[in-house]
Protein backbone atom coordinates (compact mmCIF):
# COMPACT_ATOMS: atom_id res chain seq x y z
CA UNK A 1 -9.24 -33.27 -6.73
CA UNK A 2 -12.12 -32.84 -9.23
CA UNK A 3 -14.35 -29.80 -9.47
CA UNK A 4 -17.22 -31.36 -7.51
CA UNK A 5 -14.87 -32.13 -4.65
CA UNK A 6 -13.53 -28.60 -4.73
CA UNK A 7 -17.05 -27.15 -4.59
CA UNK A 8 -18.05 -29.45 -1.73
CA UNK A 9 -14.90 -28.71 0.25
CA UNK A 10 -15.26 -24.96 -0.15
CA UNK A 11 -18.94 -25.02 0.74
CA UNK A 12 -18.29 -27.13 3.83
CA UNK A 13 -15.54 -24.82 4.97
CA UNK A 14 -17.70 -21.73 4.25
CA UNK A 15 -14.71 -20.07 2.69
CA UNK A 16 -16.36 -18.58 -0.37
CA UNK A 17 -19.72 -17.30 -1.58
CA UNK A 18 -21.86 -20.25 -2.67
CA UNK A 19 -23.44 -18.35 -5.57
CA UNK A 20 -20.16 -18.21 -7.44
CA UNK A 21 -19.64 -21.95 -7.18
CA UNK A 22 -23.22 -22.68 -8.17
CA UNK A 23 -22.65 -20.63 -11.30
CA UNK A 24 -19.41 -22.40 -12.13
CA UNK A 25 -20.75 -25.89 -11.46
CA UNK A 26 -23.91 -25.32 -13.50
CA UNK A 27 -22.16 -23.46 -16.27
CA UNK A 28 -23.47 -25.63 -19.11
CA UNK A 29 -27.09 -25.23 -17.98
CA UNK A 30 -26.75 -21.49 -17.40
CA UNK A 31 -25.01 -21.00 -20.74
CA UNK A 32 -27.72 -22.89 -22.60
CA UNK A 33 -30.37 -20.74 -20.94
CA UNK A 34 -28.56 -17.59 -22.04
CA UNK A 35 -29.05 -18.47 -25.71
CA UNK A 36 -26.65 -17.97 -28.62
CA UNK A 37 -24.26 -15.07 -28.35
CA UNK A 38 -22.48 -14.89 -31.68
CA UNK A 39 -19.32 -13.02 -32.48
CA UNK A 40 -20.09 -9.51 -33.80
CA UNK A 41 -19.77 -8.79 -37.50
CA UNK A 42 -16.21 -7.67 -38.14
CA UNK A 43 -15.70 -4.07 -39.24
CA UNK A 44 -12.78 -2.41 -41.05
CA UNK A 45 -9.47 -3.30 -39.49
CA UNK A 46 -11.02 -5.99 -37.28
CA UNK A 47 -9.95 -9.64 -37.18
CA UNK A 48 -11.18 -12.34 -34.84
CA UNK A 49 -12.21 -15.87 -34.07
CA UNK A 50 -14.93 -17.70 -32.19
CA UNK A 51 -13.32 -21.08 -32.81
CA UNK A 52 -10.42 -22.56 -30.88
CA UNK A 53 -7.28 -22.83 -33.02
CA UNK A 54 -4.35 -23.23 -30.61
CA UNK A 55 -3.08 -25.36 -27.74
CA UNK A 56 -0.64 -24.93 -24.86
CA UNK A 57 2.22 -26.35 -26.92
CA UNK A 58 1.72 -23.75 -29.66
CA UNK A 59 1.36 -26.33 -32.41
CA UNK A 60 -1.87 -24.89 -33.84
CA UNK A 61 -4.05 -27.82 -32.76
CA UNK A 62 -7.35 -26.89 -31.02
CA UNK A 63 -7.57 -28.16 -27.44
CA UNK A 64 -11.17 -27.14 -26.81
CA UNK A 65 -10.58 -24.41 -24.24
CA UNK A 66 -12.55 -21.59 -25.92
CA UNK A 67 -14.93 -20.65 -28.69
CA UNK A 68 -18.62 -20.64 -29.51
CA UNK A 69 -21.69 -21.12 -27.36
CA UNK A 70 -20.16 -24.29 -25.89
CA UNK A 71 -17.03 -22.55 -24.58
CA UNK A 72 -15.97 -24.34 -21.38
CA UNK A 73 -15.44 -22.56 -18.08
CA UNK A 74 -11.72 -23.17 -17.55
CA UNK A 75 -10.08 -23.61 -14.14
CA UNK A 76 -6.34 -23.30 -13.70
CA UNK A 77 -6.31 -26.98 -12.77
CA UNK A 78 -7.68 -28.05 -16.17
CA UNK A 79 -5.26 -29.81 -18.49
CA UNK A 80 -5.91 -27.27 -21.25
CA UNK A 81 -5.35 -24.21 -19.02
CA UNK A 82 -4.32 -21.49 -19.85
CA UNK A 83 -6.79 -20.48 -22.54
CA UNK A 84 -5.13 -19.52 -25.81
CA UNK A 85 -6.16 -18.75 -29.38
CA UNK A 86 -4.70 -17.11 -32.47
CA UNK A 87 -5.99 -14.12 -34.41
CA UNK A 88 -4.41 -13.81 -37.86
CA UNK A 89 -3.54 -10.31 -39.05
CA UNK A 90 -2.29 -9.10 -42.44
CA UNK A 91 1.40 -8.31 -42.90
CA UNK A 92 0.68 -4.57 -42.87
CA UNK A 93 -0.53 -4.76 -39.26
CA UNK A 94 2.98 -5.46 -37.96
CA UNK A 95 4.03 -2.87 -35.38
CA UNK A 96 0.62 -1.20 -35.25
CA UNK A 97 -1.23 -0.41 -32.06
CA UNK A 98 -4.66 -1.94 -31.54
CA UNK A 99 -7.39 -3.08 -29.19
CA UNK A 100 -8.43 -6.55 -28.08
CA UNK A 101 -11.99 -7.22 -27.05
CA UNK A 102 -13.52 -10.55 -26.15
CA UNK A 103 -16.67 -11.97 -24.65
CA UNK A 104 -16.04 -13.71 -21.33
CA UNK A 105 -18.19 -15.55 -18.81
CA UNK A 106 -18.30 -15.66 -15.02
CA UNK A 107 -15.43 -13.37 -14.00
CA UNK A 108 -16.01 -13.10 -10.24
CA UNK A 109 -14.32 -9.75 -9.77
CA UNK A 110 -16.42 -8.73 -6.76
CA UNK A 111 -17.99 -11.98 -5.53
CA UNK A 112 -15.40 -12.49 -2.79
CA UNK A 113 -13.51 -9.26 -1.96
CA UNK A 114 -11.00 -11.26 0.05
CA UNK A 115 -10.10 -13.48 -2.89
CA UNK A 116 -11.35 -11.93 -6.14
CA UNK A 117 -10.89 -13.72 -9.44
CA UNK A 118 -7.82 -12.47 -11.31
CA UNK A 119 -7.51 -13.63 -14.93
CA UNK A 120 -4.49 -12.12 -16.71
CA UNK A 121 -4.52 -11.43 -20.46
CA UNK A 122 -1.51 -11.47 -22.80
CA UNK A 123 -1.04 -10.73 -26.51
CA UNK A 124 2.11 -12.25 -28.00
CA UNK A 125 3.39 -12.70 -24.42
CA UNK A 126 2.88 -9.01 -23.61
CA UNK A 127 0.61 -8.40 -20.60
CA UNK A 128 -2.31 -6.14 -21.56
CA UNK A 129 -4.57 -6.34 -18.50
CA UNK A 130 -6.89 -8.33 -16.24
CA UNK A 131 -10.45 -9.44 -16.96
CA UNK A 132 -13.39 -7.85 -15.18
CA UNK A 133 -16.93 -9.12 -14.89
CA UNK A 134 -19.66 -10.61 -12.71
CA UNK A 135 -20.69 -14.02 -11.45
CA UNK A 136 -22.83 -15.99 -13.93
CA UNK A 137 -22.65 -13.19 -16.49
CA UNK A 138 -21.31 -12.69 -20.00
CA UNK A 139 -19.52 -9.43 -20.70
CA UNK A 140 -17.13 -7.86 -23.21
CA UNK A 141 -13.70 -6.73 -22.01
CA UNK A 142 -11.50 -4.24 -23.91
CA UNK A 143 -7.71 -3.93 -23.75
CA UNK A 144 -5.26 -1.56 -25.44
CA UNK A 145 -2.42 -3.20 -27.36
CA UNK A 146 0.65 -0.94 -27.54
CA UNK A 147 2.71 -0.46 -30.71
CA UNK A 148 5.25 -3.13 -31.67
CA UNK A 149 3.29 -6.03 -30.12
CA UNK A 150 1.16 -7.07 -33.09
CA UNK A 151 2.69 -8.84 -36.08
CA UNK A 152 1.65 -10.08 -39.47
CA UNK A 153 0.28 -13.64 -39.33
CA UNK A 154 -0.74 -15.38 -36.11
CA UNK A 155 -1.06 -13.31 -32.95
CA UNK A 156 -1.48 -15.38 -29.81
CA UNK A 157 -3.96 -14.30 -27.13
CA UNK A 158 -3.54 -16.04 -23.78
CA UNK A 159 -5.74 -15.88 -20.67
CA UNK A 160 -4.30 -17.30 -17.46
CA UNK A 161 -7.21 -18.09 -15.10
CA UNK A 162 -7.29 -17.44 -11.38
CA UNK A 163 -3.71 -16.28 -10.93
CA UNK A 164 -4.27 -15.51 -7.22
CA UNK A 165 -4.82 -19.21 -6.58
CA UNK A 166 -2.26 -21.11 -8.68
CA UNK A 167 -3.16 -24.78 -8.79
CA UNK A 168 -6.19 -24.12 -6.60
CA UNK A 169 -9.00 -24.49 -9.12
CA UNK A 170 -11.14 -21.88 -7.32
CA UNK A 171 -12.47 -19.63 -10.10
CA UNK A 172 -13.08 -20.42 -13.77
CA UNK A 173 -13.60 -18.29 -16.87
CA UNK A 174 -14.98 -18.97 -20.36
CA UNK A 175 -14.05 -17.15 -23.57
CA UNK A 176 -16.51 -17.22 -26.45
CA UNK A 177 -14.77 -15.02 -29.02
CA UNK A 178 -11.94 -12.55 -29.41
CA UNK A 179 -11.39 -9.65 -31.83
CA UNK A 180 -8.35 -7.49 -32.50
CA UNK A 181 -8.92 -4.10 -34.09
CA UNK A 182 -5.78 -2.72 -35.69
CA UNK A 183 -5.03 0.97 -35.29
CA UNK A 184 -2.53 1.97 -38.00
CA UNK A 185 0.58 3.46 -36.44
CA UNK A 186 2.34 6.32 -38.21
CA UNK A 187 6.00 5.35 -38.69
CA UNK A 188 8.13 7.34 -36.29
CA UNK A 189 11.45 7.22 -34.47
CA UNK A 190 10.35 7.47 -30.86
CA UNK A 191 13.79 7.23 -29.25
CA UNK A 192 17.38 7.38 -30.49
CA UNK A 193 20.62 6.99 -28.61
CA UNK A 194 24.30 6.15 -28.90
CA UNK A 195 26.55 4.09 -26.65
CA UNK A 196 29.01 4.97 -25.26
CA UNK A 197 28.28 8.68 -25.21
CA UNK A 198 31.98 9.48 -24.82
CA UNK A 199 34.44 7.75 -27.10
CA UNK A 200 37.92 8.40 -28.54
CA UNK A 201 38.59 8.86 -32.25
CA UNK A 202 39.37 5.56 -33.93
CA UNK A 203 37.11 3.62 -31.54
CA UNK A 204 33.58 2.23 -32.01
CA UNK A 205 30.15 3.47 -30.95
CA UNK A 206 26.74 1.83 -31.31
CA UNK A 207 23.71 3.66 -32.72
CA UNK A 208 20.15 2.66 -31.73
CA UNK A 209 16.71 3.78 -32.91
CA UNK A 210 13.42 2.57 -31.39
CA UNK A 211 10.63 2.92 -33.96
CA UNK A 212 6.91 2.48 -34.44
CA UNK A 213 5.35 1.41 -37.72
CA UNK A 214 7.27 -0.05 -40.64
CA UNK A 215 10.43 1.46 -42.12
CA UNK A 216 12.39 0.33 -45.17
CA UNK A 217 15.58 1.96 -43.83
CA UNK A 218 16.95 3.86 -40.86
CA UNK A 219 20.12 5.81 -41.59
CA UNK A 220 22.52 8.01 -39.58
CA UNK A 221 23.93 11.21 -41.13
CA UNK A 222 26.58 13.59 -39.82
CA UNK A 223 25.98 17.28 -39.31
CA UNK A 224 27.03 18.02 -42.90
CA UNK A 225 24.37 15.65 -44.24
CA UNK A 226 26.76 12.86 -45.27
CA UNK A 227 25.70 9.27 -44.62
CA UNK A 228 27.56 7.61 -41.73
CA UNK A 229 25.95 4.19 -41.40
CA UNK A 230 22.70 2.29 -42.07
CA UNK A 231 20.95 0.62 -39.15
CA UNK A 232 19.29 -2.82 -39.32
CA UNK A 233 16.61 -4.69 -37.36
CA UNK A 234 17.33 -8.39 -38.02
CA UNK A 235 15.17 -9.71 -35.18
CA UNK A 236 12.19 -7.48 -35.93
CA UNK A 237 11.89 -6.05 -32.43
CA UNK A 238 11.54 -2.47 -33.71
CA UNK A 239 14.94 -1.44 -32.33
CA UNK A 240 17.30 -0.73 -35.21
CA UNK A 241 21.04 -0.67 -34.53
CA UNK A 242 24.52 -0.47 -36.08
CA UNK A 243 28.13 -0.13 -35.01
CA UNK A 244 30.28 2.71 -36.37
CA UNK A 245 33.98 3.45 -36.06
CA UNK A 246 34.75 7.10 -35.37
CA UNK A 247 37.33 8.24 -37.93
CA UNK A 248 40.84 8.42 -36.50
CA UNK A 249 41.13 12.05 -37.60
CA UNK A 250 37.86 13.17 -36.02
CA UNK A 251 38.39 16.38 -34.04
CA UNK A 252 37.68 16.34 -30.33
CA UNK A 253 34.44 17.89 -29.12
CA UNK A 254 30.78 17.44 -29.80
CA UNK A 255 29.81 15.30 -32.79
CA UNK A 256 26.23 15.75 -33.93
CA UNK A 257 24.23 13.25 -35.97
CA UNK A 258 20.73 12.84 -37.32
CA UNK A 259 18.71 9.64 -37.79
CA UNK A 260 16.20 9.40 -40.60
CA UNK A 261 13.60 6.69 -41.12
CA UNK A 262 12.57 5.94 -44.70
CA UNK A 263 9.46 4.20 -46.01
CA UNK A 264 8.95 3.49 -49.71
CA UNK A 265 11.77 5.85 -50.67
CA UNK A 266 10.48 8.87 -48.76
CA UNK A 267 11.76 10.24 -45.46
CA UNK A 268 8.82 9.94 -43.06
CA UNK A 269 10.57 10.61 -39.77
CA UNK A 270 13.69 12.43 -38.64
CA UNK A 271 15.38 12.62 -35.29
CA UNK A 272 17.12 15.77 -34.02
CA UNK A 273 20.87 15.70 -33.62
CA UNK A 274 22.28 14.02 -30.52
CA UNK A 275 25.68 14.97 -29.19
CA UNK A 276 28.42 12.38 -28.98
CA UNK A 277 31.38 13.49 -26.91
């Protein structure tokens, strides 16, 4: 069913507020009347785009679902739904926290309280929030991006329209531009643990350290300050790990260790001793 048929059916059934559908159907005319609304000038630590640069397949080919004054109002029934685009960040942004803000059109948050528009937003497949707005109106939305989501290179922003009505083609949304502002994250070990917590001498335990920021090494030391094992993070998920065999002659009782994160040769974060029984 095409959009015109959807509008006619809904109007005839008196299911939804007509103003919302008038805005969606006449989007091109309304957008032209609004005049140009260019992407803001980027400040320090800000990176963005007002041109489509990605498709649903993730092959980097624009599919025309966002960008510029001609950004289409996308229904979830459109072939190019969901909306997606890439924002390229420098390598040093990896692991940092940040904010995403973007200019969006016609988010009918309050037009129909019984069936409000719900457009979900993701950054690198991590859910960051839901769009808010008004019928026939442009507005800027802001979302916090937690640490360890952003990466150096392409960062994919995805907006899934009208998630309350999958396949229904009820509400549409347009995205004109998107900007990520990077907030440098101080390297830190935010959580450290060992598994199992009780183990016999001569058997193996696994050390884990969840970190923020970028480390060149994460190392475990015993209570006397001697190195036990170096952790690694081969998949880049900010959880470093290593397996260690408890020496056969290790005395029974509590075994304390300390994890230290190192960046550029200097210890920038330490973790208090954790008991292994």
